[in-house]
Amino acid sequence: MLSRSTRLLFSYLVREIDPNGFVGDYKELRHVGSRSTQDKVRQIVKKNSNALFCGHYHTGKLTLLKAIGEHFEKREKKRVAYVSGDSLRANRLDGYLLPHFIGLRISRDELPSQEQLEGTLERHARLVESTYNGCYPSLCTADVLILDALEKVAPVVLLSMDAVARRQRGVPSKPFGGLRVFAAADFWRLPVHPTSDTGGYAFQLAQWGEWFPVQQVLHHTHGQDPDLSVFTEKALYGTLTLDDMLQLEARSMANKREAQLLSASTTAMSRDRHGEEEEEGEEVEEMEERQAARPDSNSEDEPAGGAPSPLHALRNDNMISNVDSITKFTPRFPKQPTVRVMPTRYRALKQLETGNYLVNLLVQSSMPASFGLVDSLSVVPGNPVHLLLDGQAAFGVAAGAVGEVLNVKEHYLTVHFIEAQRTVDLPRMRVVSYHPDYPEVRYELQQFPVFPRQRLCPLSMVSYGHAYRVNVNGRRMADTNDLGNLLSRMRTFEDFTLRSTSDFAHLDGMVHEPTRIYYHQIEQKPLSDAPEQWCRNCKSFIAKEDFFDHWNACVHAVRWCSECSKTIPLEILDPHMEKHQIVMCMDCGQGVEWRQWEAHRLSCGPMMREVSADNEFLPLRTRQLALELGLDKRDLHTMRSFSRSMLPKSR
């Protein structure tokens, strides 16, 4: 067991905003000291056990975690480690990213096995106590762990953290070795899609109940219209009825010009109005697609006759699909790239163990997205933008205000905000990050706090926030839980218009079933009033009173194979699914199922003609090599050993 550090409190990264630039509040934790928050904190601390808070966006999870951490720091003098799986939320907590806390590299590679992870975690814990001199928190030195964005943490990482903490802290009988853990998660934001697995999630681990004896689902959406909150809950849980969709669309369209133009809605579909209105809606849809295909089109463009086009007021605020946003509006060479100022002599620093960790910590914790800013920004005069961070103190413009770029200079953007009736010169937001123990090592980031409206898509709206005045289209949504996640970001019905809701809500898999079941299980509520519930894992009806027990056992035992239309035991699932894997034959260009490959390789004419020793059109030396390597018509699997470098070179 490692010796404990003598530090009373941990040192965290300091993030200073230059007052000469744009001063934006990216933390937005204004209610940490409120009476209602403190009452919740006292109730939770009295339970004397680990706790988990679940809920969608803006339900107060981060505020609650910050208040709990401050309670233990100030009143009980405990050493608190603030950690998050999301870079923006880590900065809002004034904490660390989880990979930095446990010593993992930030990469998109597959995670190693649990044994390798445990070795990495133990090595990092030793480095923190010895080489790093206890400057950073670790699993062994913290008394309380505030763990946020649990939906972005892989289950194997949590298992490794638990195993290492039990060993290193010397308390193997308690979860995390006796470390108090308060966590938060928005499992509606899991990176899933309609064909995602029904199992394998962190909240389905056998140790989950032992880790978090107290589990709560937060429902109240702060700062949102109560009627809209009801629709948000229904959209997340998949209980929107057709009447709900009609009412939601009608209230979002009320007293807006869009109501006369956007007629391809759930209303038109549900009332069987397949005549002129549907044709008109399709025409509007086609016009929008043509406008979206022209990213350089100016909002001032009008027809030759001088009359404005029907989409003149709409085309800049339309939500496009994620694919269109990535392929059309992600510039390779942005006009306003993020300015990064590296620490002085950072190359020399990275040659030392301590300096390498510190520089990586500063750079990876201070990306533009870590402060709610856009990395690759590309705007020109005439482009519509909205403000990402609140600027009321200096400019009198709130976050989310929509404006038009009038002028682009090197160090500022001139933007006219229409509703605020203000024309302001927006400077870059300048953030300097450093560790208090090493104040001379500083990393600076500079970027304009605006978002280009032509890039509005479900992914950007959920990632950046404050995207209001948007025409939300159900046909542009593709990811699971998109509808509920987008509605949770809106304040009132004035912030959006909604149509084609049923096109999205009625698709299979648009609500993540494991998360829905888990939230109902926490609150001990049945999924519905029906006497039997449908199990998506084994495709069978289960009695309502036995459903949760059946689900917990089912996801740990079997999976459904849609190709074979039967359940497969979990132990043989991987080799079974290998049979259905599609491989591409590089010679005939045909996709072949792996279980059919053996028959295909013996009958593929193009492959045999190309490499067989019997092919008289190949050079003699090539045919001799084919014979030496045994490449004949019957054994074509040895293609990999026959490379282009072995062929005769042309003169």
Foldseek 3Di string as FASTA:
>chain_A
DDDAAPDLEAFFKDKDWDPVAFDFDLLPLPCLPPPVLVVVLVVVVVVVAAAEEEEFPQLCQLSNLLSNQVCCCPPVSFYEAEEECDLQSCVSSSHAYPCLQQVHDDDPDDDDALVVSLVRSVVVVVCCVPVVVVNHHYLQHGQEYEYEACLNDALSNLVSQQVNQCVNNVPVVAGSVNRHYYYYHHNLPRQDFLPDFLDRGNCLDPCNCRRHVHYYYRQDRPLADPVLSVVLVCLQLLNQDLVNQVVLQCLLCPPHLVVVQQQQFSVCVVVVVCPDSNVSNVVSVVVLVVLLVDPPDFLPDADPVPDRDSCSVPNLFEAAALVSLVPPPQDPQAPFAKDKDFAPPLVVLCVDPNSVSFRCRQVVSDDQLNSLADGRHHDAFRFKKFFLGQRCVPFNDGGLFIWTFHHDDPFWTFTQRVVSRDTDTHGWTKMWIHIPVCVSGIMIITDTRIDTSSSRYLVSCLSRASHFPHEAELVNDGGASSVSNNSSRDRYSPRYRYGPVCVNSVDRRSHSVSVSLVNCVSVVHFSDPDQWDADPFFGDTDGRVCVVVCNSVRSQFWGADPVVRGIDGPVCVVVVVQQQDWDADPFPRDTDRNVCVLVCLLPPVRLQCPQALPNPVADNVSSVVCVVQVPHSNDPPCVVVDDPVPGDDDD
